[in-house]
Amino acid sequence: MSETITVVGSLNMDLVVLSPRIPKPGETIIGFEWHTIPGGKGANQAVAASRLGGQVSMVGRVGGDAFAQELLDNLAASGVDYSHVTRDPESATGVALITVDDKGENTIVVASGANKQLLPQDIEAAEGAIAASKTLLLQLESPLETVMHAAQVAQAHGVTVVLNPAPARQLPVELLSLVDVLVPNESETALLTGLPVNSLGAIESAAGALLDKGIGTVILTLGAQGALLADAKGFNLIPAFKVDPVDTTAAGDAFMGAFGVALAEAKPAAEAVRWGNAAGALAAMKLGAQTSLPYREEVETLLEIG
């Protein structure tokens, strides 16, 4: 049986517009086509992990509107158990407004909606699913007290806690002390440490500062450079796979899903990071969030050809 992973986090409907470039403040640009695509960091990571072979449970909230059912149907189609996703008739489903330019770069504005109503009580209702998991994946599009409670429940049951600290924000020591693996990007690392990340040496120093906070493993994602694995053994820069990006939306979530699956399958940390790099590269080659997330055979093929 595939290893069990629980994801606590957000579910959004992404409203995506393709544009020749990102507009400046106050500027209007005539774009190209637009799409509605299931997204949200939590749901993206759940779908990514499921497509890569994990047995995945999702904990979250959606609203009482039409977007809610579409998001739930998409989870089901990807094999994700959504029995712990609550429908909140008093809230709107979360949405993300995304602009993607012709180089594949994006800007994202999120209206959280029902995601803001995910409460510690929702975690308690899902405690059985969390306790039965090998790995818990967390992000920061849900209330911080709920994220912390999920980490506490996971730690109490010996479940590995993996936190993707995005969107970037300061985090209390109490939460960081519950995290087994922290997966920030460069800007998130700079915010968490107050240190520069403008060279490999500086990046290693910043990763070391995070280890000093009591986190066992730090995976600092570096986009086209790959990812830096930092733990008690030292630093290991694991290179990215060379691709021509179409849309980088959800590339980080693909990394998280793949890393989580590999970790749950007891793969060594460096191999788990390579899985993450491969999944992120494949996701960047397609438009959209969950529409871009790769399947296990695609990742395995990329890993073989290097």
C-alpha atoms as a PDB file:
ATOM      1  CA  MET A   1       0.000   0.000   0.000  1.00  0.00           C
ATOM      2  CA  SER A   2       1.170   3.543  -0.705  1.00  0.00           C
ATOM      3  CA  GLU A   3       2.295   5.578   2.276  1.00  0.00           C
ATOM      4  CA  THR A   4      -0.260   7.872   3.900  1.00  0.00           C
ATOM      5  CA  ILE A   5       0.136  11.663   3.850  1.00  0.00           C
ATOM      6  CA  THR A   6      -2.155  14.290   5.343  1.00  0.00           C
ATOM      7  CA  VAL A   7      -2.218  17.836   4.018  1.00  0.00           C
ATOM      8  CA  VAL A   8      -3.682  20.661   6.093  1.00  0.00           C
ATOM      9  CA  GLY A   9      -4.173  23.827   4.099  1.00  0.00           C
ATOM     10  CA  SER A  10      -5.952  25.966   1.562  1.00  0.00           C
ATOM     11  CA  LEU A  11      -8.227  25.283  -1.379  1.00  0.00           C
ATOM     12  CA  ASN A  12      -8.652  28.068  -3.947  1.00  0.00           C
ATOM     13  CA  MET A  13     -10.028  28.525  -7.410  1.00  0.00           C
ATOM     14  CA  ASP A  14      -7.328  30.189  -9.512  1.00  0.00           C
ATOM     15  CA  LEU A  15      -8.446  32.824 -12.038  1.00  0.00           C
ATOM     16  CA  VAL A  16      -5.509  32.908 -14.444  1.00  0.00           C
ATOM     17  CA  VAL A  17      -4.845  35.536 -17.121  1.00  0.00           C
ATOM     18  CA  LEU A  18      -2.008  35.199 -19.628  1.00  0.00           C
ATOM     19  CA  SER A  19      -0.301  38.529 -20.300  1.00  0.00           C
ATOM     20  CA  PRO A  20       2.645  39.711 -22.387  1.00  0.00           C
ATOM     21  CA  ARG A  21       4.174  41.059 -19.169  1.00  0.00           C
ATOM     22  CA  ILE A  22       3.316  41.875 -15.579  1.00  0.00           C
ATOM     23  CA  PRO A  23       1.589  45.296 -15.440  1.00  0.00           C
ATOM     24  CA  LYS A  24       3.068  48.174 -13.492  1.00  0.00           C
ATOM     25  CA  PRO A  25       1.024  49.865 -10.726  1.00  0.00           C
ATOM     26  CA  GLY A  26      -1.870  51.774 -12.300  1.00  0.00           C
ATOM     27  CA  GLU A  27      -1.290  50.219 -15.728  1.00  0.00           C
ATOM     28  CA  THR A  28      -3.857  48.305 -17.792  1.00  0.00           C
ATOM     29  CA  ILE A  29      -2.628  45.650 -20.221  1.00  0.00           C
ATOM     30  CA  ILE A  30      -4.639  43.716 -22.785  1.00  0.00           C
ATOM     31  CA  GLY A  31      -3.964  40.078 -22.015  1.00  0.00           C
ATOM     32  CA  PHE A  32      -4.488  36.845 -23.884  1.00  0.00           C
ATOM     33  CA  GLU A  33      -6.651  33.894 -22.814  1.00  0.00           C
ATOM     34  CA  TRP A  34      -7.866  33.247 -19.260  1.00  0.00           C
ATOM     35  CA  HIS A  35      -8.698  30.107 -17.301  1.00  0.00           C
ATOM     36  CA  THR A  36     -10.292  28.922 -14.055  1.00  0.00           C
ATOM     37  CA  ILE A  37      -7.989  26.265 -12.570  1.00  0.00           C
ATOM     38  CA  PRO A  38      -8.201  24.468  -9.194  1.00  0.00           C
ATOM     39  CA  GLY A  39      -5.467  25.674  -6.839  1.00  0.00           C
ATOM     40  CA  GLY A  40      -4.573  26.651  -3.292  1.00  0.00           C
ATOM     41  CA  LYS A  41      -1.249  25.611  -1.784  1.00  0.00           C
ATOM     42  CA  GLY A  42      -2.784  22.915   0.371  1.00  0.00           C
ATOM     43  CA  ALA A  43      -4.891  21.349  -2.354  1.00  0.00           C
ATOM     44  CA  ASN A  44      -2.029  21.625  -4.858  1.00  0.00           C
ATOM     45  CA  GLN A  45       0.282  19.709  -2.536  1.00  0.00           C
ATOM     46  CA  ALA A  46      -2.392  17.107  -1.839  1.00  0.00           C
ATOM     47  CA  VAL A  47      -3.022  16.491  -5.541  1.00  0.00           C
ATOM     48  CA  ALA A  48       0.722  16.445  -6.262  1.00  0.00           C
ATOM     49  CA  ALA A  49       1.347  13.843  -3.563  1.00  0.00           C
ATOM     50  CA  SER A  50      -1.577  11.695  -4.701  1.00  0.00           C
ATOM     51  CA  ARG A  51      -0.493  11.707  -8.343  1.00  0.00           C
ATOM     52  CA  LEU A  52       2.980  10.679  -7.216  1.00  0.00           C
ATOM     53  CA  GLY A  53       1.769   7.619  -5.344  1.00  0.00           C
ATOM     54  CA  GLY A  54       0.780   8.848  -1.894  1.00  0.00           C
ATOM     55  CA  GLN A  55      -2.449   7.916  -0.126  1.00  0.00           C
ATOM     56  CA  VAL A  56      -3.554  11.445   0.702  1.00  0.00           C
ATOM     57  CA  SER A  57      -6.098  13.024   3.053  1.00  0.00           C
ATOM     58  CA  MET A  58      -6.912  16.729   2.770  1.00  0.00           C
ATOM     59  CA  VAL A  59      -8.026  18.904   5.691  1.00  0.00           C
ATOM     60  CA  GLY A  60      -9.460  22.300   4.786  1.00  0.00           C
ATOM     61  CA  ARG A  61     -12.529  24.450   4.136  1.00  0.00           C
ATOM     62  CA  VAL A  62     -14.441  25.614   1.085  1.00  0.00           C
ATOM     63  CA  GLY A  63     -17.431  27.923   0.784  1.00  0.00           C
ATOM     64  CA  GLY A  64     -21.024  27.380  -0.192  1.00  0.00           C
ATOM     65  CA  ASP A  65     -20.634  28.417  -3.843  1.00  0.00           C
ATOM     66  CA  ALA A  66     -20.160  26.639  -7.175  1.00  0.00           C
ATOM     67  CA  PHE A  67     -16.359  26.821  -6.956  1.00  0.00           C
ATOM     68  CA  ALA A  68     -16.509  24.612  -3.840  1.00  0.00           C
ATOM     69  CA  GLN A  69     -17.988  21.584  -5.612  1.00  0.00           C
ATOM     70  CA  GLU A  70     -15.595  21.967  -8.529  1.00  0.00           C
ATOM     71  CA  LEU A  71     -12.621  21.916  -6.156  1.00  0.00           C
ATOM     72  CA  LEU A  72     -13.945  18.865  -4.304  1.00  0.00           C
ATOM     73  CA  ASP A  73     -14.639  17.027  -7.547  1.00  0.00           C
ATOM     74  CA  ASN A  74     -11.103  17.742  -8.676  1.00  0.00           C
ATOM     75  CA  LEU A  75      -9.660  16.331  -5.438  1.00  0.00           C
ATOM     76  CA  ALA A  76     -11.727  13.193  -5.898  1.00  0.00           C
ATOM     77  CA  ALA A  77     -10.614  12.821  -9.516  1.00  0.00           C
ATOM     78  CA  SER A  78      -7.008  12.953  -8.300  1.00  0.00           C
ATOM     79  CA  GLY A  79      -7.598  10.284  -5.669  1.00  0.00           C
ATOM     80  CA  VAL A  80      -7.493  12.599  -2.626  1.00  0.00           C
ATOM     81  CA  ASP A  81      -9.720  11.790   0.363  1.00  0.00           C
ATOM     82  CA  TYR A  82     -11.593  15.034   1.122  1.00  0.00           C
ATOM     83  CA  SER A  83     -13.817  13.726   3.923  1.00  0.00           C
ATOM     84  CA  HIS A  84     -12.149  16.277   6.240  1.00  0.00           C
ATOM     85  CA  VAL A  85     -12.809  19.253   3.941  1.00  0.00           C
ATOM     86  CA  THR A  86     -15.715  21.217   5.436  1.00  0.00           C
ATOM     87  CA  ARG A  87     -18.238  23.160   3.344  1.00  0.00           C
ATOM     88  CA  ASP A  88     -18.917  26.525   4.999  1.00  0.00           C
ATOM     89  CA  PRO A  89     -22.188  28.015   3.670  1.00  0.00           C
ATOM     90  CA  GLU A  90     -21.438  31.367   5.329  1.00  0.00           C
ATOM     91  CA  SER A  91     -18.175  31.921   3.408  1.00  0.00           C
ATOM     92  CA  ALA A  92     -16.983  32.226  -0.163  1.00  0.00           C
ATOM     93  CA  THR A  93     -14.500  29.707  -1.481  1.00  0.00           C
ATOM     94  CA  GLY A  94     -10.981  31.104  -1.647  1.00  0.00           C
ATOM     95  CA  VAL A  95      -9.832  32.512  -4.981  1.00  0.00           C
ATOM     96  CA  ALA A  96      -6.456  33.537  -6.381  1.00  0.00           C
ATOM     97  CA  LEU A  97      -6.039  36.171  -9.095  1.00  0.00           C
ATOM     98  CA  ILE A  98      -2.979  35.185 -11.144  1.00  0.00           C
ATOM     99  CA  THR A  99      -1.191  36.957 -13.978  1.00  0.00           C
ATOM    100  CA  VAL A 100       1.319  34.918 -15.993  1.00  0.00           C
ATOM    101  CA  ASP A 101       3.727  36.674 -18.381  1.00  0.00           C
ATOM    102  CA  ASP A 102       5.314  35.304 -21.547  1.00  0.00           C
ATOM    103  CA  LYS A 103       8.434  34.240 -19.599  1.00  0.00           C
ATOM    104  CA  GLY A 104       6.408  32.057 -17.266  1.00  0.00           C
ATOM    105  CA  GLU A 105       6.733  34.401 -14.270  1.00  0.00           C
ATOM    106  CA  ASN A 106       3.628  35.252 -12.262  1.00  0.00           C
ATOM    107  CA  THR A 107       2.014  37.511  -9.715  1.00  0.00           C
ATOM    108  CA  ILE A 108      -0.654  36.178  -7.351  1.00  0.00           C
ATOM    109  CA  VAL A 109      -3.226  37.869  -5.108  1.00  0.00           C
ATOM    110  CA  VAL A 110      -5.267  35.560  -2.858  1.00  0.00           C
ATOM    111  CA  ALA A 111      -8.698  36.252  -1.328  1.00  0.00           C
ATOM    112  CA  SER A 112      -8.731  33.587   1.385  1.00  0.00           C
ATOM    113  CA  GLY A 113     -12.477  33.237   1.925  1.00  0.00           C
ATOM    114  CA  ALA A 114     -13.341  29.999   3.748  1.00  0.00           C
ATOM    115  CA  ASN A 115      -9.657  29.185   4.245  1.00  0.00           C
ATOM    116  CA  LYS A 116      -9.573  31.816   7.011  1.00  0.00           C
ATOM    117  CA  GLN A 117     -12.208  29.806   8.895  1.00  0.00           C
ATOM    118  CA  LEU A 118     -10.122  26.632   9.202  1.00  0.00           C
ATOM    119  CA  LEU A 119     -10.009  26.168  12.983  1.00  0.00           C
ATOM    120  CA  PRO A 120      -8.189  23.992  15.532  1.00  0.00           C
ATOM    121  CA  GLN A 121     -11.484  22.123  15.940  1.00  0.00           C
ATOM    122  CA  ASP A 122     -11.160  21.021  12.312  1.00  0.00           C
ATOM    123  CA  ILE A 123      -7.758  19.553  13.181  1.00  0.00           C
ATOM    124  CA  GLU A 124      -9.195  17.708  16.153  1.00  0.00           C
ATOM    125  CA  ALA A 125     -11.892  16.215  13.919  1.00  0.00           C
ATOM    126  CA  ALA A 126      -9.158  14.972  11.576  1.00  0.00           C
ATOM    127  CA  GLU A 127      -6.826  13.686  14.300  1.00  0.00           C
ATOM    128  CA  GLY A 128      -7.336  10.068  13.261  1.00  0.00           C
ATOM    129  CA  ALA A 129      -6.211  10.796   9.707  1.00  0.00           C
ATOM    130  CA  ILE A 130      -3.165  12.730  10.906  1.00  0.00           C
ATOM    131  CA  ALA A 131      -2.206  10.023  13.413  1.00  0.00           C
ATOM    132  CA  ALA A 132      -2.355   7.358  10.697  1.00  0.00           C
ATOM    133  CA  SER A 133       0.009   9.310   8.423  1.00  0.00           C
ATOM    134  CA  LYS A 134       3.735   9.063   7.881  1.00  0.00           C
ATOM    135  CA  THR A 135       3.995  12.745   6.904  1.00  0.00           C
ATOM    136  CA  LEU A 136       2.023  15.948   7.507  1.00  0.00           C
ATOM    137  CA  LEU A 137       2.383  18.743   4.947  1.00  0.00           C
ATOM    138  CA  LEU A 138       1.652  22.318   6.077  1.00  0.00           C
ATOM    139  CA  GLN A 139       1.722  25.805   4.517  1.00  0.00           C
ATOM    140  CA  LEU A 140       0.680  29.289   5.684  1.00  0.00           C
ATOM    141  CA  GLU A 141      -2.528  30.070   3.764  1.00  0.00           C
ATOM    142  CA  SER A 142      -4.483  28.927   6.859  1.00  0.00           C
ATOM    143  CA  PRO A 143      -4.688  30.623  10.293  1.00  0.00           C
ATOM    144  CA  LEU A 144      -1.417  30.259  12.186  1.00  0.00           C
ATOM    145  CA  GLU A 145      -3.065  28.834  15.303  1.00  0.00           C
ATOM    146  CA  THR A 146      -4.557  26.064  13.176  1.00  0.00           C
ATOM    147  CA  VAL A 147      -1.233  25.295  11.509  1.00  0.00           C
ATOM    148  CA  MET A 148       0.420  25.120  14.936  1.00  0.00           C
ATOM    149  CA  HIS A 149      -2.289  22.849  16.327  1.00  0.00           C
ATOM    150  CA  ALA A 150      -1.905  20.491  13.369  1.00  0.00           C
ATOM    151  CA  ALA A 151       1.839  20.335  13.993  1.00  0.00           C
ATOM    152  CA  GLN A 152       1.239  19.619  17.692  1.00  0.00           C
ATOM    153  CA  VAL A 153      -1.153  16.775  16.891  1.00  0.00           C
ATOM    154  CA  ALA A 154       1.282  15.311  14.377  1.00  0.00           C
ATOM    155  CA  GLN A 155       4.217  15.503  16.794  1.00  0.00           C
ATOM    156  CA  ALA A 156       2.166  13.809  19.514  1.00  0.00           C
ATOM    157  CA  HIS A 157       1.608  10.869  17.177  1.00  0.00           C
ATOM    158  CA  GLY A 158       5.178  10.646  15.871  1.00  0.00           C
ATOM    159  CA  VAL A 159       4.256  11.985  12.415  1.00  0.00           C
ATOM    160  CA  THR A 160       6.940  13.848  10.440  1.00  0.00           C
ATOM    161  CA  VAL A 161       5.993  17.540  10.099  1.00  0.00           C
ATOM    162  CA  VAL A 162       7.010  19.307   6.873  1.00  0.00           C
ATOM    163  CA  LEU A 163       6.293  23.047   6.717  1.00  0.00           C
ATOM    164  CA  ASN A 164       6.392  25.165   3.571  1.00  0.00           C
ATOM    165  CA  PRO A 165       6.437  28.693   5.121  1.00  0.00           C
ATOM    166  CA  ALA A 166       4.534  30.353   2.282  1.00  0.00           C
ATOM    167  CA  PRO A 167       3.268  32.994   1.915  1.00  0.00           C
ATOM    168  CA  ALA A 168       6.260  34.478   3.708  1.00  0.00           C
ATOM    169  CA  ARG A 169       5.740  35.728   7.265  1.00  0.00           C
ATOM    170  CA  GLN A 170       7.484  35.768  10.610  1.00  0.00           C
ATOM    171  CA  LEU A 171       6.933  32.577  12.610  1.00  0.00           C
ATOM    172  CA  PRO A 172       6.950  31.981  16.361  1.00  0.00           C
ATOM    173  CA  VAL A 173       9.644  29.773  17.855  1.00  0.00           C
ATOM    174  CA  GLU A 174       6.850  27.576  19.214  1.00  0.00           C
ATOM    175  CA  LEU A 175       5.859  26.552  15.681  1.00  0.00           C
ATOM    176  CA  LEU A 176       9.397  26.132  14.390  1.00  0.00           C
ATOM    177  CA  SER A 177      10.159  23.821  17.325  1.00  0.00           C
ATOM    178  CA  LEU A 178       7.454  21.443  16.032  1.00  0.00           C
ATOM    179  CA  VAL A 179       8.833  21.281  12.482  1.00  0.00           C
ATOM    180  CA  ASP A 180      10.998  18.359  11.329  1.00  0.00           C
ATOM    181  CA  VAL A 181      11.609  19.678   7.806  1.00  0.00           C
ATOM    182  CA  LEU A 182      11.323  23.329   6.759  1.00  0.00           C
ATOM    183  CA  VAL A 183      11.066  24.077   3.007  1.00  0.00           C
ATOM    184  CA  PRO A 184      11.400  27.840   2.366  1.00  0.00           C
ATOM    185  CA  ASN A 185      12.425  29.657  -0.801  1.00  0.00           C
ATOM    186  CA  GLU A 186      14.987  32.477  -0.823  1.00  0.00           C
ATOM    187  CA  SER A 187      12.643  35.341   0.089  1.00  0.00           C
ATOM    188  CA  GLU A 188      11.010  33.312   2.862  1.00  0.00           C
ATOM    189  CA  THR A 189      14.452  32.410   4.222  1.00  0.00           C
ATOM    190  CA  ALA A 190      15.516  36.058   4.216  1.00  0.00           C
ATOM    191  CA  LEU A 191      12.380  37.031   6.156  1.00  0.00           C
ATOM    192  CA  LEU A 192      12.716  34.214   8.693  1.00  0.00           C
ATOM    193  CA  THR A 193      16.395  34.842   9.385  1.00  0.00           C
ATOM    194  CA  GLY A 194      16.960  38.529   8.606  1.00  0.00           C
ATOM    195  CA  LEU A 195      20.031  37.439   6.644  1.00  0.00           C
ATOM    196  CA  PRO A 196      20.976  38.039   2.982  1.00  0.00           C
ATOM    197  CA  VAL A 197      20.619  35.226   0.443  1.00  0.00           C
ATOM    198  CA  ASN A 198      22.566  36.788  -2.435  1.00  0.00           C
ATOM    199  CA  SER A 199      25.277  34.130  -2.783  1.00  0.00           C
ATOM    200  CA  LEU A 200      25.709  30.425  -2.084  1.00  0.00           C
ATOM    201  CA  GLY A 201      27.777  31.219   1.005  1.00  0.00           C
ATOM    202  CA  ALA A 202      25.085  33.564   2.300  1.00  0.00           C
ATOM    203  CA  ILE A 203      22.399  30.979   1.560  1.00  0.00           C
ATOM    204  CA  GLU A 204      24.310  28.345   3.524  1.00  0.00           C
ATOM    205  CA  SER A 205      24.685  30.764   6.436  1.00  0.00           C
ATOM    206  CA  ALA A 206      20.958  31.484   6.410  1.00  0.00           C
ATOM    207  CA  ALA A 207      20.126  27.774   6.266  1.00  0.00           C
ATOM    208  CA  GLY A 208      22.492  27.229   9.186  1.00  0.00           C
ATOM    209  CA  ALA A 209      20.674  29.917  11.157  1.00  0.00           C
ATOM    210  CA  LEU A 210      17.421  28.012  10.641  1.00  0.00           C
ATOM    211  CA  LEU A 211      19.048  24.777  11.813  1.00  0.00           C
ATOM    212  CA  ASP A 212      20.155  26.675  14.918  1.00  0.00           C
ATOM    213  CA  LYS A 213      16.480  27.290  15.712  1.00  0.00           C
ATOM    214  CA  GLY A 214      16.114  23.554  16.336  1.00  0.00           C
ATOM    215  CA  ILE A 215      14.815  22.443  12.941  1.00  0.00           C
ATOM    216  CA  GLY A 216      16.338  19.105  11.965  1.00  0.00           C
ATOM    217  CA  THR A 217      16.380  19.595   8.199  1.00  0.00           C
ATOM    218  CA  VAL A 218      16.089  22.668   5.987  1.00  0.00           C
ATOM    219  CA  ILE A 219      15.445  22.416   2.238  1.00  0.00           C
ATOM    220  CA  LEU A 220      16.036  25.851   0.725  1.00  0.00           C
ATOM    221  CA  THR A 221      14.534  25.924  -2.771  1.00  0.00           C
ATOM    222  CA  LEU A 222      16.481  28.046  -5.250  1.00  0.00           C
ATOM    223  CA  GLY A 223      14.453  27.914  -8.477  1.00  0.00           C
ATOM    224  CA  ALA A 224      16.658  27.280 -11.497  1.00  0.00           C
ATOM    225  CA  GLN A 225      19.665  26.607  -9.218  1.00  0.00           C
ATOM    226  CA  GLY A 226      17.972  23.642  -7.535  1.00  0.00           C
ATOM    227  CA  ALA A 227      17.708  23.207  -3.761  1.00  0.00           C
ATOM    228  CA  LEU A 228      20.079  23.307  -0.811  1.00  0.00           C
ATOM    229  CA  LEU A 229      19.738  20.423   1.647  1.00  0.00           C
ATOM    230  CA  ALA A 230      20.964  21.466   5.080  1.00  0.00           C
ATOM    231  CA  ASP A 231      21.074  19.149   8.082  1.00  0.00           C
ATOM    232  CA  ALA A 232      23.462  17.876  10.740  1.00  0.00           C
ATOM    233  CA  LYS A 233      25.627  16.332   7.988  1.00  0.00           C
ATOM    234  CA  GLY A 234      26.257  19.715   6.377  1.00  0.00           C
ATOM    235  CA  PHE A 235      25.158  21.387   3.133  1.00  0.00           C
ATOM    236  CA  ASN A 236      24.359  19.676  -0.176  1.00  0.00           C
ATOM    237  CA  LEU A 237      23.347  21.711  -3.246  1.00  0.00           C
ATOM    238  CA  ILE A 238      21.188  19.475  -5.428  1.00  0.00           C
ATOM    239  CA  PRO A 239      20.913  20.931  -8.957  1.00  0.00           C
ATOM    240  CA  ALA A 240      17.683  21.622 -10.777  1.00  0.00           C
ATOM    241  CA  PHE A 241      16.564  19.892 -13.962  1.00  0.00           C
ATOM    242  CA  LYS A 242      16.946  22.103 -17.034  1.00  0.00           C
ATOM    243  CA  VAL A 243      13.567  23.026 -18.554  1.00  0.00           C
ATOM    244  CA  ASP A 244      11.993  25.925 -20.448  1.00  0.00           C
ATOM    245  CA  PRO A 245       9.340  27.261 -18.037  1.00  0.00           C
ATOM    246  CA  VAL A 246       5.833  28.041 -19.261  1.00  0.00           C
ATOM    247  CA  ASP A 247       4.266  28.928 -15.890  1.00  0.00           C
ATOM    248  CA  THR A 248       5.953  28.595 -12.493  1.00  0.00           C
ATOM    249  CA  THR A 249       2.614  28.540 -10.614  1.00  0.00           C
ATOM    250  CA  ALA A 250       2.540  25.498  -8.274  1.00  0.00           C
ATOM    251  CA  ALA A 251       6.112  24.423  -9.072  1.00  0.00           C
ATOM    252  CA  GLY A 252       6.894  24.805  -5.379  1.00  0.00           C
ATOM    253  CA  ASP A 253       3.785  22.817  -4.462  1.00  0.00           C
ATOM    254  CA  ALA A 254       4.842  20.057  -6.864  1.00  0.00           C
ATOM    255  CA  PHE A 255       8.204  20.021  -5.071  1.00  0.00           C
ATOM    256  CA  MET A 256       6.446  19.685  -1.712  1.00  0.00           C
ATOM    257  CA  GLY A 257       4.175  16.868  -2.850  1.00  0.00           C
ATOM    258  CA  ALA A 258       7.029  14.890  -4.380  1.00  0.00           C
ATOM    259  CA  PHE A 259       9.349  15.489  -1.428  1.00  0.00           C
ATOM    260  CA  GLY A 260       6.589  14.435   0.975  1.00  0.00           C
ATOM    261  CA  VAL A 261       5.938  11.188  -0.898  1.00  0.00           C
ATOM    262  CA  ALA A 262       9.625  10.335  -1.132  1.00  0.00           C
ATOM    263  CA  LEU A 263      10.099  11.090   2.561  1.00  0.00           C
ATOM    264  CA  ALA A 264       7.098   8.934   3.508  1.00  0.00           C
ATOM    265  CA  GLU A 265       8.614   6.117   1.434  1.00  0.00           C
ATOM    266  CA  ALA A 266      11.796   6.432   3.537  1.00  0.00           C
ATOM    267  CA  LYS A 267      13.962   7.604   0.663  1.00  0.00           C
ATOM    268  CA  PRO A 268      17.175   9.387   1.761  1.00  0.00           C
ATOM    269  CA  ALA A 269      16.812  13.159   2.093  1.00  0.00           C
ATOM    270  CA  ALA A 270      18.988  13.934  -0.953  1.00  0.00           C
ATOM    271  CA  GLU A 271      16.957  11.563  -3.123  1.00  0.00           C
ATOM    272  CA  ALA A 272      13.717  13.081  -1.805  1.00  0.00           C
ATOM    273  CA  VAL A 273      14.993  16.525  -2.828  1.00  0.00           C
ATOM    274  CA  ARG A 274      15.776  15.209  -6.343  1.00  0.00           C
ATOM    275  CA  TRP A 275      12.180  13.976  -6.513  1.00  0.00           C
ATOM    276  CA  GLY A 276      11.042  17.452  -5.537  1.00  0.00           C
ATOM    277  CA  ASN A 277      13.281  19.103  -8.122  1.00  0.00           C
ATOM    278  CA  ALA A 278      11.990  16.808 -10.860  1.00  0.00           C
ATOM    279  CA  ALA A 279       8.333  17.388 -10.013  1.00  0.00           C
ATOM    280  CA  GLY A 280       8.836  21.152  -9.794  1.00  0.00           C
ATOM    281  CA  ALA A 281      10.564  21.237 -13.177  1.00  0.00           C
ATOM    282  CA  LEU A 282       7.761  19.266 -14.825  1.00  0.00           C
ATOM    283  CA  ALA A 283       5.087  21.498 -13.276  1.00  0.00           C
ATOM    284  CA  ALA A 284       6.820  24.628 -14.608  1.00  0.00           C
ATOM    285  CA  MET A 285       6.454  23.269 -18.157  1.00  0.00           C
ATOM    286  CA  LYS A 286       2.628  23.476 -18.086  1.00  0.00           C
ATOM    287  CA  LEU A 287       0.057  26.195 -17.451  1.00  0.00           C
ATOM    288  CA  GLY A 288      -1.809  26.445 -14.189  1.00  0.00           C
ATOM    289  CA  ALA A 289      -1.701  24.958 -10.715  1.00  0.00           C
ATOM    290  CA  GLN A 290      -3.237  21.495 -10.455  1.00  0.00           C
ATOM    291  CA  THR A 291      -3.401  21.139 -14.231  1.00  0.00           C
ATOM    292  CA  SER A 292       0.423  21.237 -14.273  1.00  0.00           C
ATOM    293  CA  LEU A 293       1.131  18.685 -11.537  1.00  0.00           C
ATOM    294  CA  PRO A 294       2.966  15.606 -12.856  1.00  0.00           C
ATOM    295  CA  TYR A 295       2.288  11.903 -12.364  1.00  0.00           C
ATOM    296  CA  ARG A 296       4.733   9.434 -10.839  1.00  0.00           C
ATOM    297  CA  GLU A 297       5.812   7.885 -14.136  1.00  0.00           C
ATOM    298  CA  GLU A 298       6.731  11.333 -15.481  1.00  0.00           C
ATOM    299  CA  VAL A 299       8.888  12.084 -12.446  1.00  0.00           C
ATOM    300  CA  GLU A 300      10.554   8.673 -12.559  1.00  0.00           C
ATOM    301  CA  THR A 301      11.331   9.132 -16.263  1.00  0.00           C
ATOM    302  CA  LEU A 302      12.919  12.537 -15.664  1.00  0.00           C
ATOM    303  CA  LEU A 303      14.947  11.150 -12.754  1.00  0.00           C
ATOM    304  CA  GLU A 304      16.257   8.359 -14.989  1.00  0.00           C
ATOM    305  CA  ILE A 305      17.359  10.616 -17.840  1.00  0.00           C
ATOM    306  CA  GLY A 306      18.732  13.205 -15.409  1.00  0.00           C
END
